[in-house]
C-alpha atoms as a PDB file:
ATOM      1  CA  MET A   1     215.840  80.932  87.958  1.00  0.00           C
ATOM      2  CA  LEU A   2     217.357  80.201  91.546  1.00  0.00           C
ATOM      3  CA  THR A   3     215.775  77.755  93.668  1.00  0.00           C
ATOM      4  CA  GLY A   4     215.295  80.196  96.537  1.00  0.00           C
ATOM      5  CA  LYS A   5     212.437  81.861  94.377  1.00  0.00           C
ATOM      6  CA  LEU A   6     210.692  78.693  93.698  1.00  0.00           C
ATOM      7  CA  GLN A   7     210.678  77.051  97.051  1.00  0.00           C
ATOM      8  CA  SER A   8     207.408  76.305  98.893  1.00  0.00           C
ATOM      9  CA  GLN A   9     206.549  76.979 102.628  1.00  0.00           C
ATOM     10  CA  THR A  10     203.237  75.052 102.741  1.00  0.00           C
ATOM     11  CA  ILE A  11     205.063  71.502 103.123  1.00  0.00           C
ATOM     12  CA  PRO A  12     205.369  70.470 106.757  1.00  0.00           C
ATOM     13  CA  TYR A  13     208.609  69.383 108.128  1.00  0.00           C
ATOM     14  CA  LEU A  14     209.065  66.333 110.293  1.00  0.00           C
ATOM     15  CA  HIS A  15     211.050  66.209 113.825  1.00  0.00           C
ATOM     16  CA  LEU A  16     212.727  63.384 115.415  1.00  0.00           C
ATOM     17  CA  HIS A  17     210.330  62.478 117.865  1.00  0.00           C
ATOM     18  CA  ASP A  18     207.316  62.134 115.357  1.00  0.00           C
ATOM     19  CA  LYS A  19     205.987  58.711 114.905  1.00  0.00           C
ATOM     20  CA  VAL A  20     206.055  56.803 111.859  1.00  0.00           C
ATOM     21  CA  HIS A  21     202.387  56.850 111.419  1.00  0.00           C
ATOM     22  CA  GLN A  22     202.556  60.636 111.744  1.00  0.00           C
ATOM     23  CA  ALA A  23     204.890  60.982 109.126  1.00  0.00           C
ATOM     24  CA  LEU A  24     202.927  58.756 106.639  1.00  0.00           C
ATOM     25  CA  GLN A  25     199.824  60.721 107.335  1.00  0.00           C
ATOM     26  CA  LEU A  26     201.371  63.895 106.490  1.00  0.00           C
ATOM     27  CA  MET A  27     203.012  62.448 103.272  1.00  0.00           C
ATOM     28  CA  ASN A  28     199.257  61.255 102.160  1.00  0.00           C
ATOM     29  CA  GLU A  29     197.853  64.527 103.016  1.00  0.00           C
ATOM     30  CA  ASN A  30     200.319  66.442 100.890  1.00  0.00           C
ATOM     31  CA  HIS A  31     200.565  64.122  98.245  1.00  0.00           C
ATOM     32  CA  VAL A  32     204.470  63.789  98.411  1.00  0.00           C
ATOM     33  CA  THR A  33     206.487  60.345  99.048  1.00  0.00           C
ATOM     34  CA  HIS A  34     209.379  62.072 100.979  1.00  0.00           C
ATOM     35  CA  LEU A  35     209.500  64.807 103.984  1.00  0.00           C
ATOM     36  CA  PRO A  36     212.364  66.570 105.421  1.00  0.00           C
ATOM     37  CA  ILE A  37     213.467  66.254 108.908  1.00  0.00           C
ATOM     38  CA  VAL A  38     214.359  69.130 111.228  1.00  0.00           C
ATOM     39  CA  GLU A  39     215.651  69.853 114.714  1.00  0.00           C
ATOM     40  CA  GLY A  40     214.848  73.559 115.324  1.00  0.00           C
ATOM     41  CA  ASP A  41     215.802  75.185 111.937  1.00  0.00           C
ATOM     42  CA  LYS A  42     218.606  72.623 111.256  1.00  0.00           C
ATOM     43  CA  TYR A  43     218.085  70.348 108.450  1.00  0.00           C
ATOM     44  CA  ILE A  44     218.669  66.731 109.541  1.00  0.00           C
ATOM     45  CA  GLY A  45     217.842  64.736 106.529  1.00  0.00           C
ATOM     46  CA  ILE A  46     215.022  63.448 104.241  1.00  0.00           C
ATOM     47  CA  ILE A  47     213.208  60.203 104.650  1.00  0.00           C
ATOM     48  CA  SER A  48     210.818  58.346 101.966  1.00  0.00           C
ATOM     49  CA  GLU A  49     207.457  56.543 102.439  1.00  0.00           C
ATOM     50  CA  GLU A  50     209.352  53.393 101.483  1.00  0.00           C
ATOM     51  CA  ASP A  51     211.705  53.598 104.462  1.00  0.00           C
ATOM     52  CA  LEU A  52     208.760  54.452 106.704  1.00  0.00           C
ATOM     53  CA  LEU A  53     206.547  51.472 105.385  1.00  0.00           C
ATOM     54  CA  GLN A  54     209.581  49.233 106.106  1.00  0.00           C
ATOM     55  CA  SER A  55     209.414  49.954 109.963  1.00  0.00           C
ATOM     56  CA  GLU A  56     207.936  47.230 112.124  1.00  0.00           C
ATOM     57  CA  ASN A  57     206.356  49.764 114.428  1.00  0.00           C
ATOM     58  CA  ASP A  58     204.001  52.518 113.306  1.00  0.00           C
ATOM     59  CA  HIS A  59     204.641  54.222 116.569  1.00  0.00           C
ATOM     60  CA  ALA A  60     208.385  54.345 116.721  1.00  0.00           C
ATOM     61  CA  GLU A  61     210.020  57.633 116.841  1.00  0.00           C
ATOM     62  CA  LEU A  62     211.818  58.837 113.388  1.00  0.00           C
ATOM     63  CA  GLU A  63     214.942  58.948 115.439  1.00  0.00           C
ATOM     64  CA  SER A  64     215.087  55.208 115.406  1.00  0.00           C
ATOM     65  CA  LEU A  65     215.282  55.193 111.641  1.00  0.00           C
ATOM     66  CA  GLN A  66     218.175  57.598 111.180  1.00  0.00           C
ATOM     67  CA  GLN A  67     220.224  55.126 109.245  1.00  0.00           C
ATOM     68  CA  SER A  68     217.320  55.680 106.601  1.00  0.00           C
ATOM     69  CA  PHE A  69     217.827  59.488 106.355  1.00  0.00           C
ATOM     70  CA  ALA A  70     219.134  60.805 103.163  1.00  0.00           C
ATOM     71  CA  SER A  71     221.282  64.157 103.413  1.00  0.00           C
ATOM     72  CA  THR A  72     220.178  65.378  99.998  1.00  0.00           C
ATOM     73  CA  SER A  73     219.275  69.180  99.611  1.00  0.00           C
ATOM     74  CA  ILE A  74     220.149  72.232  97.533  1.00  0.00           C
ATOM     75  CA  LYS A  75     221.348  75.624  98.271  1.00  0.00           C
ATOM     76  CA  ALA A  76     218.902  78.661  97.585  1.00  0.00           C
ATOM     77  CA  ASP A  77     221.230  80.535  95.596  1.00  0.00           C
ATOM     78  CA  GLU A  78     221.683  77.513  93.112  1.00  0.00           C
ATOM     79  CA  HIS A  79     219.938  77.460  89.468  1.00  0.00           C
ATOM     80  CA  PHE A  80     216.716  74.995  89.394  1.00  0.00           C
ATOM     81  CA  LEU A  81     218.147  73.160  86.640  1.00  0.00           C
ATOM     82  CA  LYS A  82     220.581  71.789  88.886  1.00  0.00           C
ATOM     83  CA  ALA A  83     217.536  71.080  91.364  1.00  0.00           C
ATOM     84  CA  ILE A  84     216.008  68.845  88.648  1.00  0.00           C
ATOM     85  CA  ARG A  85     219.058  66.869  88.172  1.00  0.00           C
ATOM     86  CA  VAL A  86     219.434  66.358  92.239  1.00  0.00           C
ATOM     87  CA  ALA A  87     215.805  65.408  92.423  1.00  0.00           C
ATOM     88  CA  GLY A  88     215.864  63.125  89.374  1.00  0.00           C
ATOM     89  CA  GLU A  89     218.992  61.271  90.369  1.00  0.00           C
ATOM     90  CA  ASN A  90     217.739  60.791  93.946  1.00  0.00           C
ATOM     91  CA  ALA A  91     214.168  60.088  92.804  1.00  0.00           C
ATOM     92  CA  LEU A  92     212.621  62.670  95.046  1.00  0.00           C
ATOM     93  CA  SER A  93     209.183  63.879  95.164  1.00  0.00           C
ATOM     94  CA  LEU A  94     210.356  67.116  96.932  1.00  0.00           C
ATOM     95  CA  LEU A  95     213.927  68.566  97.544  1.00  0.00           C
ATOM     96  CA  PRO A  96     214.786  70.588 100.521  1.00  0.00           C
ATOM     97  CA  VAL A  97     216.461  74.027 100.351  1.00  0.00           C
ATOM     98  CA  VAL A  98     218.791  75.134 102.784  1.00  0.00           C
ATOM     99  CA  ASP A  99     221.162  77.915 103.503  1.00  0.00           C
ATOM    100  CA  ASP A 100     224.971  78.121 104.247  1.00  0.00           C
ATOM    101  CA  GLU A 101     224.288  77.191 107.889  1.00  0.00           C
ATOM    102  CA  ASN A 102     222.403  74.144 106.783  1.00  0.00           C
ATOM    103  CA  GLU A 103     219.069  75.516 108.082  1.00  0.00           C
ATOM    104  CA  ILE A 104     216.030  74.640 105.965  1.00  0.00           C
ATOM    105  CA  THR A 105     214.322  77.665 104.277  1.00  0.00           C
ATOM    106  CA  GLY A 106     211.772  75.626 102.247  1.00  0.00           C
ATOM    107  CA  VAL A 107     211.253  72.905  99.896  1.00  0.00           C
ATOM    108  CA  ILE A 108     210.722  72.414  96.022  1.00  0.00           C
ATOM    109  CA  ILE A 109     208.098  70.016  94.828  1.00  0.00           C
ATOM    110  CA  TYR A 110     209.452  68.021  92.000  1.00  0.00           C
ATOM    111  CA  ASN A 111     206.245  68.445  89.708  1.00  0.00           C
ATOM    112  CA  ASP A 112     206.800  72.321  90.198  1.00  0.00           C
ATOM    113  CA  LEU A 113     210.372  71.913  88.821  1.00  0.00           C
ATOM    114  CA  LEU A 114     209.160  70.145  85.806  1.00  0.00           C
ATOM    115  CA  ARG A 115     206.536  73.005  85.314  1.00  0.00           C
ATOM    116  CA  TYR A 116     209.219  75.572  85.382  1.00  0.00           C
ATOM    117  CA  ALA A 117     211.441  73.475  83.167  1.00  0.00           C
ATOM    118  CA  ALA A 118     208.575  73.532  80.621  1.00  0.00           C
ATOM    119  CA  GLU A 119     208.274  77.167  80.859  1.00  0.00           C
ATOM    120  CA  PHE A 120     211.878  77.717  81.020  1.00  0.00           C
ATOM    121  CA  MET A 121     212.233  75.599  77.506  1.00  0.00           C
ATOM    122  CA  SER A 122     209.306  77.353  75.922  1.00  0.00           C
ATOM    123  CA  LEU A 123     207.173  74.394  75.534  1.00  0.00           C
ATOM    124  CA  ASN A 124     203.794  76.273  76.112  1.00  0.00           C
ATOM    125  CA  GLU A 125     204.523  78.614  73.317  1.00  0.00           C
ATOM    126  CA  SER A 126     203.431  77.627  69.856  1.00  0.00           C
ATOM    127  CA  GLY A 127     205.712  76.407  67.196  1.00  0.00           C
ATOM    128  CA  GLY A 128     207.387  73.740  65.526  1.00  0.00           C
ATOM    129  CA  VAL A 129     210.080  71.168  67.001  1.00  0.00           C
ATOM    130  CA  ILE A 130     213.121  69.599  64.928  1.00  0.00           C
ATOM    131  CA  VAL A 131     215.474  67.114  66.342  1.00  0.00           C
ATOM    132  CA  VAL A 132     218.415  66.740  64.129  1.00  0.00           C
ATOM    133  CA  GLU A 133     221.643  64.564  64.679  1.00  0.00           C
ATOM    134  CA  ILE A 134     225.180  65.285  63.428  1.00  0.00           C
ATOM    135  CA  HIS A 135     228.774  64.598  64.587  1.00  0.00           C
ATOM    136  CA  GLN A 136     229.912  66.571  67.363  1.00  0.00           C
ATOM    137  CA  LYS A 137     232.667  67.958  65.458  1.00  0.00           C
ATOM    138  CA  GLN A 138     230.372  69.159  62.817  1.00  0.00           C
ATOM    139  CA  TYR A 139     228.078  71.009  65.135  1.00  0.00           C
ATOM    140  CA  SER A 140     227.941  74.718  64.528  1.00  0.00           C
ATOM    141  CA  PHE A 141     225.162  76.922  66.411  1.00  0.00           C
ATOM    142  CA  ASN A 142     225.747  79.602  63.855  1.00  0.00           C
ATOM    143  CA  GLU A 143     225.115  77.564  60.906  1.00  0.00           C
ATOM    144  CA  ILE A 144     221.835  75.993  62.394  1.00  0.00           C
ATOM    145  CA  SER A 145     220.814  79.718  63.099  1.00  0.00           C
ATOM    146  CA  LYS A 146     221.375  80.858  59.713  1.00  0.00           C
ATOM    147  CA  LEU A 147     219.297  77.830  58.376  1.00  0.00           C
ATOM    148  CA  VAL A 148     216.422  78.670  60.593  1.00  0.00           C
ATOM    149  CA  GLU A 149     216.602  82.388  59.697  1.00  0.00           C
ATOM    150  CA  ALA A 150     216.970  81.560  56.148  1.00  0.00           C
ATOM    151  CA  ASN A 151     213.293  80.152  56.377  1.00  0.00           C
ATOM    152  CA  ASP A 152     211.979  83.225  57.889  1.00  0.00           C
ATOM    153  CA  ALA A 153     211.857  81.401  61.373  1.00  0.00           C
ATOM    154  CA  GLN A 154     213.362  82.184  64.952  1.00  0.00           C
ATOM    155  CA  ILE A 155     214.809  79.943  67.323  1.00  0.00           C
ATOM    156  CA  ILE A 156     212.758  79.897  70.643  1.00  0.00           C
ATOM    157  CA  GLN A 157     214.766  77.086  72.350  1.00  0.00           C
ATOM    158  CA  LEU A 158     217.805  74.914  71.506  1.00  0.00           C
ATOM    159  CA  ASN A 159     219.239  72.086  73.622  1.00  0.00           C
ATOM    160  CA  THR A 160     221.817  69.487  72.733  1.00  0.00           C
ATOM    161  CA  THR A 161     222.706  66.082  74.060  1.00  0.00           C
ATOM    162  CA  THR A 162     225.960  64.229  73.134  1.00  0.00           C
ATOM    163  CA  ASP A 163     226.416  60.424  72.905  1.00  0.00           C
ATOM    164  CA  PRO A 164     229.956  60.044  74.081  1.00  0.00           C
ATOM    165  CA  LEU A 165     230.357  56.443  72.416  1.00  0.00           C
ATOM    166  CA  SER A 166     229.320  57.466  68.957  1.00  0.00           C
ATOM    167  CA  GLY A 167     230.549  61.164  69.117  1.00  0.00           C
ATOM    168  CA  THR A 168     227.249  62.341  67.585  1.00  0.00           C
ATOM    169  CA  ILE A 169     224.980  65.292  68.828  1.00  0.00           C
ATOM    170  CA  GLN A 170     221.385  65.419  69.228  1.00  0.00           C
ATOM    171  CA  VAL A 171     220.240  68.932  68.558  1.00  0.00           C
ATOM    172  CA  THR A 172     216.468  70.010  69.687  1.00  0.00           C
ATOM    173  CA  ILE A 173     215.239  72.977  68.021  1.00  0.00           C
ATOM    174  CA  LYS A 174     211.920  74.813  68.695  1.00  0.00           C
ATOM    175  CA  VAL A 175     211.276  77.470  66.280  1.00  0.00           C
ATOM    176  CA  ASN A 176     208.354  80.222  66.291  1.00  0.00           C
ATOM    177  CA  LYS A 177     206.360  78.762  63.300  1.00  0.00           C
ATOM    178  CA  THR A 178     204.487  75.601  62.830  1.00  0.00           C
ATOM    179  CA  ASP A 179     204.733  75.251  59.096  1.00  0.00           C
ATOM    180  CA  ILE A 180     208.348  73.801  59.331  1.00  0.00           C
ATOM    181  CA  SER A 181     208.281  71.529  55.924  1.00  0.00           C
ATOM    182  CA  ALA A 182     210.734  73.960  54.307  1.00  0.00           C
ATOM    183  CA  LEU A 183     213.128  73.891  57.314  1.00  0.00           C
ATOM    184  CA  VAL A 184     213.072  70.217  57.368  1.00  0.00           C
ATOM    185  CA  ALA A 185     214.092  70.080  53.818  1.00  0.00           C
ATOM    186  CA  THR A 186     216.749  72.600  54.366  1.00  0.00           C
ATOM    187  CA  PHE A 187     218.157  70.716  57.204  1.00  0.00           C
ATOM    188  CA  GLN A 188     218.165  67.694  55.133  1.00  0.00           C
ATOM    189  CA  ARG A 189     219.846  69.411  52.289  1.00  0.00           C
ATOM    190  CA  TYR A 190     222.776  70.440  54.320  1.00  0.00           C
ATOM    191  CA  GLU A 191     222.975  66.546  55.619  1.00  0.00           C
ATOM    192  CA  TYR A 192     221.545  66.836  58.869  1.00  0.00           C
ATOM    193  CA  ASP A 193     219.796  63.743  59.802  1.00  0.00           C
ATOM    194  CA  VAL A 194     216.364  64.921  60.931  1.00  0.00           C
ATOM    195  CA  ILE A 195     215.395  62.100  63.361  1.00  0.00           C
ATOM    196  CA  TYR A 196     212.052  63.915  64.491  1.00  0.00           C
ATOM    197  CA  TYR A 197     209.952  66.827  63.692  1.00  0.00           C
ATOM    198  CA  SER A 198     206.361  68.273  64.745  1.00  0.00           C
ATOM    199  CA  GLY A 199     204.453  70.650  63.051  1.00  0.00           C
ATOM    200  CA  GLU A 200     202.011  71.324  60.267  1.00  0.00           C
ATOM    201  CA  GLU A 201     203.874  69.192  57.860  1.00  0.00           C
ATOM    202  CA  HIS A 202     203.537  66.412  60.491  1.00  0.00           C
ATOM    203  CA  ASN A 203     199.953  66.790  60.887  1.00  0.00           C
ATOM    204  CA  GLU A 204     199.650  66.935  57.046  1.00  0.00           C
ATOM    205  CA  LYS A 205     201.642  63.738  56.752  1.00  0.00           C
ATOM    206  CA  GLU A 206     199.117  61.939  58.937  1.00  0.00           C
ATOM    207  CA  LEU A 207     196.426  63.263  57.122  1.00  0.00           C
ATOM    208  CA  ARG A 208     197.881  62.140  53.524  1.00  0.00           C
ATOM    209  CA  ASN A 209     198.249  58.727  55.014  1.00  0.00           C
ATOM    210  CA  ASN A 210     194.930  58.246  56.733  1.00  0.00           C
ATOM    211  CA  TYR A 211     193.455  59.614  53.096  1.00  0.00           C
ATOM    212  CA  ASP A 212     195.603  57.061  51.388  1.00  0.00           C
ATOM    213  CA  ASN A 213     194.620  54.162  53.637  1.00  0.00           C
ATOM    214  CA  LEU A 214     191.018  55.179  53.225  1.00  0.00           C
ATOM    215  CA  MET A 215     191.270  54.941  49.217  1.00  0.00           C
ATOM    216  CA  ASN A 216     192.872  51.626  49.477  1.00  0.00           C
ATOM    217  CA  TYR A 217     190.096  50.486  51.493  1.00  0.00           C
ATOM    218  CA  LEU A 218     187.406  51.709  49.146  1.00  0.00           C
ATOM    219  CA  LYS A 219     189.180  50.117  46.423  1.00  0.00           C
ATOM    220  CA  ILE A 220     188.824  46.727  47.719  1.00  0.00           C
END
């Protein structure tokens, strides 16, 4: 999904002649800690609540704080995953969206980006999650897919994270079934290091542990 389809038009913009106290009030009313600054339709930059609070004069114009402006933004035709990365790296509560002429077209709220990410990764769909670790050279999507399908399951979402120091890769697999005990055993049999899983088996293990603890307590 492209950022241009996710942008909000309800967040107000600041102007160079706005006062510090006005900017802080708008941030408070809109539950954000950043706001974009524009001159006409041109995007000038973004300022944070923290920078505003450091001003010694609440009635100072924002123009006097230009050294605190950040130029961070994203184009409307970029993927929203890049928007998450840019916003996360810069610790922004929102991200301005601009066109090729650097005119602002809207903003994306960071919390909305996380919600879109959850939908993108199928986190709202029921199913089990397995995280396996394997050396990068041994990683094979085809093999993982075959192991999942051999257990009458399908992959809903798959993400990988590589550790450049160890050369290992963590593979997070979400499947369309919650009873993943056989699937966990299959990965272990094929020498995958299963470092996390969540499904019916996980709940059953917790119930078994609670039952065993209760039996041990009753024996005292």
